[in-house]
Amino acid sequence: MKTLKKWDELAIGGIIEEPGCSHEYVTGGWRTFKPVLDLDKCIQCMFCWVYCPDTAVILEDGKVARFDYDHCKGCGICAHECPPKASAITMVPEGCEI
């Protein structure tokens, strides 16, 4: 496990000393609402995938399949961009089982 540095051990000026990837950090715990996908209503327009700022919409075989809840922050952009005629994505409170 990687040991985190204390604030006074960090490089001055925000220098990035090692390359990294956002997928190394689980950020889904920040969420208060989560998206729930109804595949029966989904028209596979891919708007959710295009607009998701966290790349948390998972495609399988070129189709929207599910969400990556480890990285989804619950912003709701996917639900907002889902066409009204489909309304395949619903935002629900975190911890709510559907």
N, C-alpha and C. Protein backbone atom coordinates (compact mmCIF):
# COMPACT_ATOMS: atom_id res chain seq x y z
N MET A 1 0.84 -1.18 0.00
CA MET A 1 0.00 0.00 0.00
C MET A 1 0.88 1.24 0.00
N LYS A 2 0.49 2.22 -0.76
CA LYS A 2 1.23 3.46 -0.89
C LYS A 2 1.01 4.34 0.34
N THR A 3 2.08 4.86 0.91
CA THR A 3 1.99 5.75 2.06
C THR A 3 1.78 7.17 1.56
N LEU A 4 0.78 7.86 2.10
CA LEU A 4 0.52 9.24 1.72
C LEU A 4 1.48 10.19 2.41
N LYS A 5 1.87 11.24 1.70
CA LYS A 5 2.75 12.24 2.27
C LYS A 5 1.94 13.23 3.10
N LYS A 6 2.58 13.77 4.11
CA LYS A 6 1.96 14.84 4.90
C LYS A 6 2.06 16.13 4.08
N TRP A 7 1.28 17.14 4.47
CA TRP A 7 1.22 18.37 3.70
C TRP A 7 2.59 19.03 3.57
N ASP A 8 3.42 18.94 4.61
CA ASP A 8 4.72 19.61 4.56
C ASP A 8 5.79 18.78 3.84
N GLU A 9 5.42 17.60 3.35
CA GLU A 9 6.34 16.77 2.58
C GLU A 9 6.07 16.85 1.08
N LEU A 10 5.00 17.56 0.70
CA LEU A 10 4.64 17.68 -0.71
C LEU A 10 5.57 18.64 -1.43
N ALA A 11 5.75 18.43 -2.73
CA ALA A 11 6.57 19.32 -3.55
C ALA A 11 5.90 20.68 -3.65
N ILE A 12 6.71 21.74 -3.66
CA ILE A 12 6.19 23.10 -3.77
C ILE A 12 5.70 23.34 -5.20
N GLY A 13 4.57 24.02 -5.34
CA GLY A 13 4.07 24.41 -6.64
C GLY A 13 3.24 23.35 -7.36
N GLY A 14 2.84 22.34 -6.67
CA GLY A 14 1.98 21.33 -7.28
C GLY A 14 2.67 20.51 -8.36
N ILE A 15 3.96 20.27 -8.22
CA ILE A 15 4.70 19.49 -9.21
C ILE A 15 4.25 18.03 -9.11
N ILE A 16 3.96 17.45 -10.25
CA ILE A 16 3.57 16.05 -10.30
C ILE A 16 4.84 15.24 -10.51
N GLU A 17 5.22 14.48 -9.48
CA GLU A 17 6.48 13.75 -9.53
C GLU A 17 6.36 12.39 -10.21
N GLU A 18 5.16 11.82 -10.24
CA GLU A 18 4.95 10.51 -10.84
C GLU A 18 3.71 10.55 -11.72
N PRO A 19 3.76 9.86 -12.87
CA PRO A 19 2.54 9.78 -13.69
C PRO A 19 1.50 8.94 -12.97
N GLY A 20 0.26 9.20 -13.27
CA GLY A 20 -0.81 8.44 -12.61
C GLY A 20 -2.04 8.39 -13.48
N CYS A 21 -3.08 7.88 -12.92
CA CYS A 21 -4.33 7.73 -13.64
C CYS A 21 -5.47 7.89 -12.65
N SER A 22 -6.53 8.57 -13.07
CA SER A 22 -7.66 8.79 -12.17
C SER A 22 -8.34 7.48 -11.79
N HIS A 23 -8.13 6.43 -12.60
CA HIS A 23 -8.75 5.15 -12.27
C HIS A 23 -8.11 4.48 -11.07
N GLU A 24 -6.96 5.01 -10.62
CA GLU A 24 -6.32 4.48 -9.42
C GLU A 24 -7.05 4.95 -8.16
N TYR A 25 -7.90 5.95 -8.28
CA TYR A 25 -8.56 6.55 -7.12
C TYR A 25 -10.06 6.30 -7.17
N VAL A 26 -10.57 5.68 -6.15
CA VAL A 26 -12.00 5.43 -6.05
C VAL A 26 -12.64 6.70 -5.50
N THR A 27 -13.48 7.35 -6.30
CA THR A 27 -14.08 8.63 -5.91
C THR A 27 -15.59 8.55 -5.78
N GLY A 28 -16.17 7.37 -5.96
CA GLY A 28 -17.61 7.21 -5.90
C GLY A 28 -18.19 7.44 -4.52
N GLY A 29 -17.37 7.42 -3.49
CA GLY A 29 -17.84 7.64 -2.13
C GLY A 29 -18.31 9.06 -1.87
N TRP A 30 -18.06 9.97 -2.79
CA TRP A 30 -18.49 11.36 -2.63
C TRP A 30 -19.96 11.52 -2.94
N ARG A 31 -20.53 10.54 -3.58
CA ARG A 31 -21.87 10.62 -4.16
C ARG A 31 -22.96 10.67 -3.08
N THR A 32 -24.00 11.47 -3.33
CA THR A 32 -25.21 11.43 -2.49
C THR A 32 -26.38 10.87 -3.28
N PHE A 33 -26.31 10.97 -4.61
CA PHE A 33 -27.29 10.35 -5.51
C PHE A 33 -26.54 9.51 -6.52
N LYS A 34 -27.18 8.44 -6.98
CA LYS A 34 -26.54 7.60 -7.99
C LYS A 34 -27.51 7.36 -9.14
N PRO A 35 -26.96 7.18 -10.35
CA PRO A 35 -27.81 6.89 -11.50
C PRO A 35 -28.18 5.41 -11.54
N VAL A 36 -29.40 5.14 -11.92
CA VAL A 36 -29.86 3.76 -12.12
C VAL A 36 -30.36 3.67 -13.55
N LEU A 37 -29.86 2.69 -14.28
CA LEU A 37 -30.19 2.52 -15.69
C LEU A 37 -31.25 1.44 -15.88
N ASP A 38 -32.29 1.79 -16.63
CA ASP A 38 -33.32 0.83 -17.01
C ASP A 38 -33.04 0.43 -18.46
N LEU A 39 -32.40 -0.71 -18.65
CA LEU A 39 -32.01 -1.15 -19.99
C LEU A 39 -33.20 -1.39 -20.90
N ASP A 40 -34.38 -1.67 -20.33
CA ASP A 40 -35.58 -1.86 -21.15
C ASP A 40 -36.02 -0.56 -21.81
N LYS A 41 -35.71 0.58 -21.20
CA LYS A 41 -36.09 1.88 -21.75
C LYS A 41 -34.97 2.50 -22.59
N CYS A 42 -33.74 2.05 -22.38
CA CYS A 42 -32.57 2.66 -23.04
C CYS A 42 -32.64 2.49 -24.55
N ILE A 43 -32.45 3.59 -25.29
CA ILE A 43 -32.48 3.56 -26.76
C ILE A 43 -31.05 3.57 -27.34
N GLN A 44 -30.06 3.44 -26.49
CA GLN A 44 -28.65 3.37 -26.90
C GLN A 44 -28.21 4.58 -27.71
N CYS A 45 -28.64 5.76 -27.30
CA CYS A 45 -28.24 7.00 -27.99
C CYS A 45 -26.80 7.40 -27.63
N MET A 46 -26.30 6.88 -26.52
CA MET A 46 -24.94 7.11 -26.03
C MET A 46 -24.70 8.52 -25.49
N PHE A 47 -25.76 9.31 -25.31
CA PHE A 47 -25.57 10.66 -24.77
C PHE A 47 -24.95 10.60 -23.36
N CYS A 48 -25.39 9.65 -22.57
CA CYS A 48 -24.85 9.51 -21.21
C CYS A 48 -23.35 9.24 -21.26
N TRP A 49 -22.93 8.39 -22.16
CA TRP A 49 -21.52 8.03 -22.29
C TRP A 49 -20.70 9.23 -22.76
N VAL A 50 -21.23 9.96 -23.72
CA VAL A 50 -20.51 11.12 -24.26
C VAL A 50 -20.35 12.22 -23.21
N TYR A 51 -21.39 12.49 -22.45
CA TYR A 51 -21.38 13.63 -21.53
C TYR A 51 -20.84 13.33 -20.13
N CYS A 52 -20.68 12.07 -19.77
CA CYS A 52 -20.21 11.74 -18.42
C CYS A 52 -18.80 12.26 -18.20
N PRO A 53 -18.60 13.17 -17.24
CA PRO A 53 -17.28 13.73 -17.01
C PRO A 53 -16.34 12.75 -16.30
N ASP A 54 -16.86 11.66 -15.80
CA ASP A 54 -16.03 10.71 -15.05
C ASP A 54 -15.80 9.40 -15.79
N THR A 55 -16.21 9.32 -17.04
CA THR A 55 -16.16 8.08 -17.84
C THR A 55 -16.69 6.90 -17.02
N ALA A 56 -17.80 7.12 -16.35
CA ALA A 56 -18.39 6.10 -15.48
C ALA A 56 -19.49 5.30 -16.17
N VAL A 57 -19.78 5.60 -17.43
CA VAL A 57 -20.76 4.82 -18.18
C VAL A 57 -19.99 3.71 -18.90
N ILE A 58 -20.31 2.49 -18.61
CA ILE A 58 -19.59 1.34 -19.15
C ILE A 58 -20.33 0.80 -20.38
N LEU A 59 -19.57 0.64 -21.45
CA LEU A 59 -20.11 0.06 -22.67
C LEU A 59 -19.65 -1.40 -22.77
N GLU A 60 -20.53 -2.23 -23.26
CA GLU A 60 -20.18 -3.62 -23.56
C GLU A 60 -20.75 -3.94 -24.94
N ASP A 61 -19.92 -4.44 -25.83
CA ASP A 61 -20.32 -4.73 -27.20
C ASP A 61 -20.91 -3.51 -27.89
N GLY A 62 -20.35 -2.33 -27.58
CA GLY A 62 -20.80 -1.09 -28.22
C GLY A 62 -22.12 -0.55 -27.72
N LYS A 63 -22.59 -1.05 -26.58
CA LYS A 63 -23.86 -0.59 -26.02
C LYS A 63 -23.69 -0.21 -24.55
N VAL A 64 -24.51 0.75 -24.11
CA VAL A 64 -24.50 1.13 -22.68
C VAL A 64 -24.96 -0.09 -21.89
N ALA A 65 -24.15 -0.46 -20.89
CA ALA A 65 -24.47 -1.67 -20.12
C ALA A 65 -24.71 -1.38 -18.64
N ARG A 66 -23.92 -0.46 -18.07
CA ARG A 66 -24.01 -0.22 -16.63
C ARG A 66 -23.18 1.01 -16.27
N PHE A 67 -23.12 1.30 -14.97
CA PHE A 67 -22.32 2.42 -14.46
C PHE A 67 -21.17 1.88 -13.62
N ASP A 68 -20.06 2.58 -13.65
CA ASP A 68 -18.92 2.29 -12.80
C ASP A 68 -19.10 3.13 -11.53
N TYR A 69 -19.70 2.54 -10.51
CA TYR A 69 -20.00 3.28 -9.29
C TYR A 69 -18.74 3.61 -8.47
N ASP A 70 -17.61 2.99 -8.78
CA ASP A 70 -16.37 3.35 -8.09
C ASP A 70 -15.91 4.75 -8.49
N HIS A 71 -16.30 5.19 -9.69
CA HIS A 71 -15.84 6.50 -10.18
C HIS A 71 -16.96 7.51 -10.42
N CYS A 72 -18.21 7.07 -10.44
CA CYS A 72 -19.35 7.98 -10.62
C CYS A 72 -19.49 8.86 -9.37
N LYS A 73 -19.55 10.17 -9.59
CA LYS A 73 -19.69 11.10 -8.46
C LYS A 73 -21.13 11.57 -8.27
N GLY A 74 -22.06 11.05 -9.07
CA GLY A 74 -23.47 11.36 -8.88
C GLY A 74 -23.89 12.73 -9.34
N CYS A 75 -23.23 13.28 -10.35
CA CYS A 75 -23.54 14.64 -10.81
C CYS A 75 -24.90 14.72 -11.51
N GLY A 76 -25.36 13.61 -12.08
CA GLY A 76 -26.67 13.59 -12.74
C GLY A 76 -26.68 14.05 -14.18
N ILE A 77 -25.51 14.33 -14.75
CA ILE A 77 -25.47 14.76 -16.15
C ILE A 77 -26.02 13.67 -17.06
N CYS A 78 -25.74 12.42 -16.75
CA CYS A 78 -26.23 11.31 -17.58
C CYS A 78 -27.76 11.31 -17.62
N ALA A 79 -28.39 11.48 -16.48
CA ALA A 79 -29.86 11.50 -16.42
C ALA A 79 -30.43 12.73 -17.12
N HIS A 80 -29.74 13.85 -16.99
CA HIS A 80 -30.19 15.09 -17.63
C HIS A 80 -30.12 14.98 -19.15
N GLU A 81 -29.08 14.34 -19.67
CA GLU A 81 -28.89 14.23 -21.11
C GLU A 81 -29.68 13.09 -21.74
N CYS A 82 -30.17 12.17 -20.94
CA CYS A 82 -30.98 11.06 -21.47
C CYS A 82 -32.25 11.64 -22.10
N PRO A 83 -32.52 11.30 -23.37
CA PRO A 83 -33.69 11.87 -24.05
C PRO A 83 -34.99 11.63 -23.28
N PRO A 84 -35.84 12.64 -23.20
CA PRO A 84 -37.12 12.49 -22.47
C PRO A 84 -37.98 11.33 -22.96
N LYS A 85 -37.90 11.01 -24.26
CA LYS A 85 -38.72 9.91 -24.77
C LYS A 85 -38.25 8.56 -24.20
N ALA A 86 -37.00 8.50 -23.73
CA ALA A 86 -36.49 7.25 -23.15
C ALA A 86 -36.57 7.29 -21.63
N SER A 87 -36.07 8.35 -21.02
CA SER A 87 -36.00 8.47 -19.55
C SER A 87 -35.51 7.18 -18.92
N ALA A 88 -34.38 6.68 -19.44
CA ALA A 88 -33.84 5.39 -19.00
C ALA A 88 -32.97 5.50 -17.76
N ILE A 89 -32.58 6.72 -17.38
CA ILE A 89 -31.70 6.91 -16.22
C ILE A 89 -32.43 7.72 -15.18
N THR A 90 -32.46 7.19 -13.97
CA THR A 90 -33.09 7.85 -12.83
C THR A 90 -32.05 8.05 -11.74
N MET A 91 -32.02 9.22 -11.16
CA MET A 91 -31.12 9.48 -10.03
C MET A 91 -31.86 9.13 -8.74
N VAL A 92 -31.25 8.30 -7.92
CA VAL A 92 -31.84 7.88 -6.66
C VAL A 92 -30.85 8.16 -5.53
N PRO A 93 -31.36 8.34 -4.30
CA PRO A 93 -30.44 8.58 -3.18
C PRO A 93 -29.49 7.41 -3.00
N GLU A 94 -28.24 7.72 -2.69
CA GLU A 94 -27.24 6.69 -2.44
C GLU A 94 -27.72 5.78 -1.31
N GLY A 95 -27.54 4.51 -1.47
CA GLY A 95 -27.98 3.54 -0.48
C GLY A 95 -29.37 3.00 -0.76
N CYS A 96 -30.09 3.62 -1.68
CA CYS A 96 -31.43 3.17 -2.04
C CYS A 96 -31.29 1.99 -3.00
N GLU A 97 -31.92 0.89 -2.68
CA GLU A 97 -31.87 -0.28 -3.55
C GLU A 97 -33.11 -0.30 -4.45
N ILE A 98 -32.85 -0.50 -5.74
CA ILE A 98 -33.96 -0.56 -6.69
C ILE A 98 -33.94 -1.89 -7.38
